Amino acid sequence: PHIVELDHLTVTGDVYFGRNVTLRGTVIVVANEGQRIDIPDGCILENRLLSGNLTMTEL
């Protein structure tokens, strides 16, 4: 991930970052035990909390 403007990052569990992901501000990603969070290519996360079982898809 691109982290030039990132202040704080917490990642817990099975988390996959795609290519060209940008993280800014405070980003917290928490995957539940036995589950996975996939962050797709080109995604920009700024001041976000992601938790649970999440699959993000571009439309």
PDB file of N, CA and C in Angstrom:
ATOM      1  N   PRO A   1       0.823  -1.215   0.000  1.00  0.00           N
ATOM      2  CA  PRO A   1       0.000   0.000   0.000  1.00  0.00           C
ATOM      3  C   PRO A   1       0.860   1.269   0.000  1.00  0.00           C
ATOM      4  N   HIS A   2       0.303   2.336  -0.550  1.00  0.00           N
ATOM      5  CA  HIS A   2       0.936   3.651  -0.486  1.00  0.00           C
ATOM      6  C   HIS A   2       0.555   4.262   0.863  1.00  0.00           C
ATOM      7  N   ILE A   3       1.556   4.669   1.659  1.00  0.00           N
ATOM      8  CA  ILE A   3       1.283   5.100   3.034  1.00  0.00           C
ATOM      9  C   ILE A   3       1.900   6.455   3.365  1.00  0.00           C
ATOM     10  N   VAL A   4       2.176   7.272   2.361  1.00  0.00           N
ATOM     11  CA  VAL A   4       2.839   8.553   2.602  1.00  0.00           C
ATOM     12  C   VAL A   4       2.031   9.432   3.559  1.00  0.00           C
ATOM     13  N   GLU A   5       0.701   9.458   3.430  1.00  0.00           N
ATOM     14  CA  GLU A   5      -0.151  10.315   4.263  1.00  0.00           C
ATOM     15  C   GLU A   5      -0.821   9.538   5.396  1.00  0.00           C
ATOM     16  N   LEU A   6      -0.277   8.383   5.755  1.00  0.00           N
ATOM     17  CA  LEU A   6      -0.856   7.544   6.798  1.00  0.00           C
ATOM     18  C   LEU A   6      -0.337   7.961   8.166  1.00  0.00           C
ATOM     19  N   ASP A   7      -1.273   8.179   9.117  1.00  0.00           N
ATOM     20  CA  ASP A   7      -0.900   8.531  10.490  1.00  0.00           C
ATOM     21  C   ASP A   7      -0.832   7.298  11.388  1.00  0.00           C
ATOM     22  N   HIS A   8      -1.803   6.381  11.224  1.00  0.00           N
ATOM     23  CA  HIS A   8      -1.873   5.202  12.091  1.00  0.00           C
ATOM     24  C   HIS A   8      -2.501   4.054  11.312  1.00  0.00           C
ATOM     25  N   LEU A   9      -1.915   2.856  11.452  1.00  0.00           N
ATOM     26  CA  LEU A   9      -2.455   1.659  10.806  1.00  0.00           C
ATOM     27  C   LEU A   9      -2.469   0.513  11.798  1.00  0.00           C
ATOM     28  N   THR A  10      -3.639  -0.151  11.897  1.00  0.00           N
ATOM     29  CA  THR A  10      -3.769  -1.376  12.673  1.00  0.00           C
ATOM     30  C   THR A  10      -4.402  -2.424  11.767  1.00  0.00           C
ATOM     31  N   VAL A  11      -3.771  -3.582  11.651  1.00  0.00           N
ATOM     32  CA  VAL A  11      -4.308  -4.685  10.851  1.00  0.00           C
ATOM     33  C   VAL A  11      -4.282  -5.936  11.713  1.00  0.00           C
ATOM     34  N   THR A  12      -5.449  -6.599  11.818  1.00  0.00           N
ATOM     35  CA  THR A  12      -5.554  -7.821  12.603  1.00  0.00           C
ATOM     36  C   THR A  12      -6.278  -8.873  11.779  1.00  0.00           C
ATOM     37  N   GLY A  13      -5.721 -10.069  11.738  1.00  0.00           N
ATOM     38  CA  GLY A  13      -6.373 -11.170  11.038  1.00  0.00           C
ATOM     39  C   GLY A  13      -5.908 -11.305   9.603  1.00  0.00           C
ATOM     40  N   ASP A  14      -6.692 -12.029   8.818  1.00  0.00           N
ATOM     41  CA  ASP A  14      -6.366 -12.359   7.431  1.00  0.00           C
ATOM     42  C   ASP A  14      -6.851 -11.230   6.522  1.00  0.00           C
ATOM     43  N   VAL A  15      -5.931 -10.352   6.142  1.00  0.00           N
ATOM     44  CA  VAL A  15      -6.264  -9.181   5.329  1.00  0.00           C
ATOM     45  C   VAL A  15      -5.378  -9.180   4.091  1.00  0.00           C
ATOM     46  N   TYR A  16      -5.996  -9.010   2.913  1.00  0.00           N
ATOM     47  CA  TYR A  16      -5.259  -8.961   1.653  1.00  0.00           C
ATOM     48  C   TYR A  16      -5.398  -7.568   1.055  1.00  0.00           C
ATOM     49  N   PHE A  17      -4.268  -6.917   0.773  1.00  0.00           N
ATOM     50  CA  PHE A  17      -4.252  -5.619   0.112  1.00  0.00           C
ATOM     51  C   PHE A  17      -3.921  -5.832  -1.358  1.00  0.00           C
ATOM     52  N   GLY A  18      -4.791  -5.353  -2.250  1.00  0.00           N
ATOM     53  CA  GLY A  18      -4.525  -5.420  -3.680  1.00  0.00           C
ATOM     54  C   GLY A  18      -3.436  -4.435  -4.069  1.00  0.00           C
ATOM     55  N   ARG A  19      -3.174  -4.349  -5.360  1.00  0.00           N
ATOM     56  CA  ARG A  19      -2.143  -3.440  -5.864  1.00  0.00           C
ATOM     57  C   ARG A  19      -2.647  -2.001  -5.863  1.00  0.00           C
ATOM     58  N   ASN A  20      -1.719  -1.076  -5.683  1.00  0.00           N
ATOM     59  CA  ASN A  20      -1.995   0.364  -5.742  1.00  0.00           C
ATOM     60  C   ASN A  20      -3.063   0.822  -4.755  1.00  0.00           C
ATOM     61  N   VAL A  21      -3.104   0.222  -3.577  1.00  0.00           N
ATOM     62  CA  VAL A  21      -4.004   0.655  -2.505  1.00  0.00           C
ATOM     63  C   VAL A  21      -3.351   1.831  -1.791  1.00  0.00           C
ATOM     64  N   THR A  22      -4.149   2.865  -1.478  1.00  0.00           N
ATOM     65  CA  THR A  22      -3.652   4.046  -0.778  1.00  0.00           C
ATOM     66  C   THR A  22      -4.318   4.137   0.586  1.00  0.00           C
ATOM     67  N   LEU A  23      -3.506   4.317   1.632  1.00  0.00           N
ATOM     68  CA  LEU A  23      -4.003   4.459   2.999  1.00  0.00           C
ATOM     69  C   LEU A  23      -3.637   5.842   3.505  1.00  0.00           C
ATOM     70  N   ARG A  24      -4.634   6.572   4.061  1.00  0.00           N
ATOM     71  CA  ARG A  24      -4.410   7.924   4.568  1.00  0.00           C
ATOM     72  C   ARG A  24      -5.063   8.080   5.940  1.00  0.00           C
ATOM     73  N   GLY A  25      -4.486   8.940   6.757  1.00  0.00           N
ATOM     74  CA  GLY A  25      -5.064   9.213   8.074  1.00  0.00           C
ATOM     75  C   GLY A  25      -4.922   8.013   8.984  1.00  0.00           C
ATOM     76  N   THR A  26      -6.031   7.622   9.617  1.00  0.00           N
ATOM     77  CA  THR A  26      -6.065   6.462  10.502  1.00  0.00           C
ATOM     78  C   THR A  26      -6.889   5.368   9.843  1.00  0.00           C
ATOM     79  N   VAL A  27      -6.282   4.205   9.659  1.00  0.00           N
ATOM     80  CA  VAL A  27      -6.965   3.067   9.036  1.00  0.00           C
ATOM     81  C   VAL A  27      -6.819   1.865   9.960  1.00  0.00           C
ATOM     82  N   ILE A  28      -7.961   1.257  10.304  1.00  0.00           N
ATOM     83  CA  ILE A  28      -7.986   0.075  11.160  1.00  0.00           C
ATOM     84  C   ILE A  28      -8.745  -1.017  10.412  1.00  0.00           C
ATOM     85  N   VAL A  29      -8.107  -2.169  10.239  1.00  0.00           N
ATOM     86  CA  VAL A  29      -8.718  -3.293   9.525  1.00  0.00           C
ATOM     87  C   VAL A  29      -8.668  -4.509  10.440  1.00  0.00           C
ATOM     88  N   VAL A  30      -9.851  -5.048  10.786  1.00  0.00           N
ATOM     89  CA  VAL A  30      -9.943  -6.178  11.708  1.00  0.00           C
ATOM     90  C   VAL A  30     -10.778  -7.280  11.056  1.00  0.00           C
ATOM     91  N   ALA A  31     -10.123  -8.369  10.658  1.00  0.00           N
ATOM     92  CA  ALA A  31     -10.829  -9.525  10.096  1.00  0.00           C
ATOM     93  C   ALA A  31     -11.151 -10.486  11.237  1.00  0.00           C
ATOM     94  N   ASN A  32     -12.397 -10.928  11.295  1.00  0.00           N
ATOM     95  CA  ASN A  32     -12.796 -11.890  12.317  1.00  0.00           C
ATOM     96  C   ASN A  32     -12.044 -13.202  12.132  1.00  0.00           C
ATOM     97  N   GLU A  33     -11.883 -13.945  13.205  1.00  0.00           N
ATOM     98  CA  GLU A  33     -11.182 -15.230  13.150  1.00  0.00           C
ATOM     99  C   GLU A  33     -11.854 -16.151  12.139  1.00  0.00           C
ATOM    100  N   GLY A  34     -11.048 -16.729  11.257  1.00  0.00           N
ATOM    101  CA  GLY A  34     -11.568 -17.635  10.248  1.00  0.00           C
ATOM    102  C   GLY A  34     -12.151 -16.944   9.029  1.00  0.00           C
ATOM    103  N   GLN A  35     -12.107 -15.614   8.994  1.00  0.00           N
ATOM    104  CA  GLN A  35     -12.640 -14.864   7.867  1.00  0.00           C
ATOM    105  C   GLN A  35     -11.544 -14.002   7.263  1.00  0.00           C
ATOM    106  N   ARG A  36     -11.827 -13.415   6.100  1.00  0.00           N
ATOM    107  CA  ARG A  36     -10.819 -12.655   5.376  1.00  0.00           C
ATOM    108  C   ARG A  36     -11.412 -11.351   4.856  1.00  0.00           C
ATOM    109  N   ILE A  37     -10.597 -10.307   4.844  1.00  0.00           N
ATOM    110  CA  ILE A  37     -10.973  -9.035   4.235  1.00  0.00           C
ATOM    111  C   ILE A  37     -10.072  -8.822   3.029  1.00  0.00           C
ATOM    112  N   ASP A  38     -10.688  -8.610   1.857  1.00  0.00           N
ATOM    113  CA  ASP A  38      -9.965  -8.339   0.618  1.00  0.00           C
ATOM    114  C   ASP A  38     -10.162  -6.874   0.244  1.00  0.00           C
ATOM    115  N   ILE A  39      -9.077  -6.135   0.144  1.00  0.00           N
ATOM    116  CA  ILE A  39      -9.135  -4.737  -0.275  1.00  0.00           C
ATOM    117  C   ILE A  39      -8.669  -4.701  -1.728  1.00  0.00           C
ATOM    118  N   PRO A  40      -9.554  -4.282  -2.655  1.00  0.00           N
ATOM    119  CA  PRO A  40      -9.257  -4.419  -4.082  1.00  0.00           C
ATOM    120  C   PRO A  40      -8.189  -3.453  -4.590  1.00  0.00           C
ATOM    121  N   ASP A  41      -7.657  -3.768  -5.762  1.00  0.00           N
ATOM    122  CA  ASP A  41      -6.677  -2.921  -6.432  1.00  0.00           C
ATOM    123  C   ASP A  41      -7.205  -1.493  -6.569  1.00  0.00           C
ATOM    124  N   GLY A  42      -6.339  -0.520  -6.307  1.00  0.00           N
ATOM    125  CA  GLY A  42      -6.669   0.882  -6.530  1.00  0.00           C
ATOM    126  C   GLY A  42      -7.558   1.526  -5.482  1.00  0.00           C
ATOM    127  N   CYS A  43      -7.907   0.822  -4.427  1.00  0.00           N
ATOM    128  CA  CYS A  43      -8.794   1.348  -3.387  1.00  0.00           C
ATOM    129  C   CYS A  43      -8.075   2.433  -2.575  1.00  0.00           C
ATOM    130  N   ILE A  44      -8.821   3.480  -2.182  1.00  0.00           N
ATOM    131  CA  ILE A  44      -8.291   4.527  -1.312  1.00  0.00           C
ATOM    132  C   ILE A  44      -9.075   4.477  -0.005  1.00  0.00           C
ATOM    133  N   LEU A  45      -8.370   4.241   1.097  1.00  0.00           N
ATOM    134  CA  LEU A  45      -8.993   4.215   2.420  1.00  0.00           C
ATOM    135  C   LEU A  45      -8.450   5.374   3.231  1.00  0.00           C
ATOM    136  N   GLU A  46      -9.348   6.236   3.696  1.00  0.00           N
ATOM    137  CA  GLU A  46      -8.943   7.386   4.498  1.00  0.00           C
ATOM    138  C   GLU A  46      -9.829   7.458   5.728  1.00  0.00           C
ATOM    139  N   ASN A  47      -9.193   7.399   6.914  1.00  0.00           N
ATOM    140  CA  ASN A  47      -9.918   7.457   8.186  1.00  0.00           C
ATOM    141  C   ASN A  47     -11.070   6.450   8.202  1.00  0.00           C
ATOM    142  N   ARG A  48     -10.724   5.169   8.059  1.00  0.00           N
ATOM    143  CA  ARG A  48     -11.717   4.098   7.976  1.00  0.00           C
ATOM    144  C   ARG A  48     -11.452   2.998   8.986  1.00  0.00           C
ATOM    145  N   LEU A  49     -12.560   2.395   9.447  1.00  0.00           N
ATOM    146  CA  LEU A  49     -12.527   1.171  10.242  1.00  0.00           C
ATOM    147  C   LEU A  49     -13.261   0.110   9.436  1.00  0.00           C
ATOM    148  N   LEU A  50     -12.562  -0.951   9.070  1.00  0.00           N
ATOM    149  CA  LEU A  50     -13.164  -2.086   8.369  1.00  0.00           C
ATOM    150  C   LEU A  50     -13.111  -3.271   9.314  1.00  0.00           C
ATOM    151  N   SER A  51     -14.256  -3.958   9.489  1.00  0.00           N
ATOM    152  CA  SER A  51     -14.259  -5.101  10.395  1.00  0.00           C
ATOM    153  C   SER A  51     -15.198  -6.175   9.880  1.00  0.00           C
ATOM    154  N   GLY A  52     -14.995  -7.384  10.386  1.00  0.00           N
ATOM    155  CA  GLY A  52     -15.848  -8.503  10.009  1.00  0.00           C
ATOM    156  C   GLY A  52     -15.306  -9.246   8.813  1.00  0.00           C
ATOM    157  N   ASN A  53     -16.221  -9.723   7.966  1.00  0.00           N
ATOM    158  CA  ASN A  53     -15.883 -10.444   6.744  1.00  0.00           C
ATOM    159  C   ASN A  53     -16.314  -9.557   5.592  1.00  0.00           C
ATOM    160  N   LEU A  54     -15.365  -9.025   4.846  1.00  0.00           N
ATOM    161  CA  LEU A  54     -15.685  -8.010   3.850  1.00  0.00           C
ATOM    162  C   LEU A  54     -15.001  -8.326   2.535  1.00  0.00           C
ATOM    163  N   THR A  55     -15.781  -8.268   1.466  1.00  0.00           N
ATOM    164  CA  THR A  55     -15.229  -8.328   0.123  1.00  0.00           C
ATOM    165  C   THR A  55     -15.694  -7.079  -0.599  1.00  0.00           C
ATOM    166  N   MET A  56     -14.757  -6.213  -0.977  1.00  0.00           N
ATOM    167  CA  MET A  56     -15.095  -4.983  -1.689  1.00  0.00           C
ATOM    168  C   MET A  56     -14.953  -5.250  -3.179  1.00  0.00           C
ATOM    169  N   THR A  57     -15.949  -4.812  -3.963  1.00  0.00           N
ATOM    170  CA  THR A  57     -15.944  -5.039  -5.399  1.00  0.00           C
ATOM    171  C   THR A  57     -16.209  -3.733  -6.127  1.00  0.00           C
ATOM    172  N   GLU A  58     -15.393  -3.427  -7.124  1.00  0.00           N
ATOM    173  CA  GLU A  58     -15.616  -2.245  -7.948  1.00  0.00           C
ATOM    174  C   GLU A  58     -16.782  -2.514  -8.890  1.00  0.00           C
ATOM    175  N   LEU A  59     -17.652  -1.519  -9.081  1.00  0.00           N
ATOM    176  CA  LEU A  59     -18.787  -1.655 -10.011  1.00  0.00           C
ATOM    177  C   LEU A  59     -18.511  -0.907 -11.285  1.00  0.00           C
TER     178      LEU A  59
END
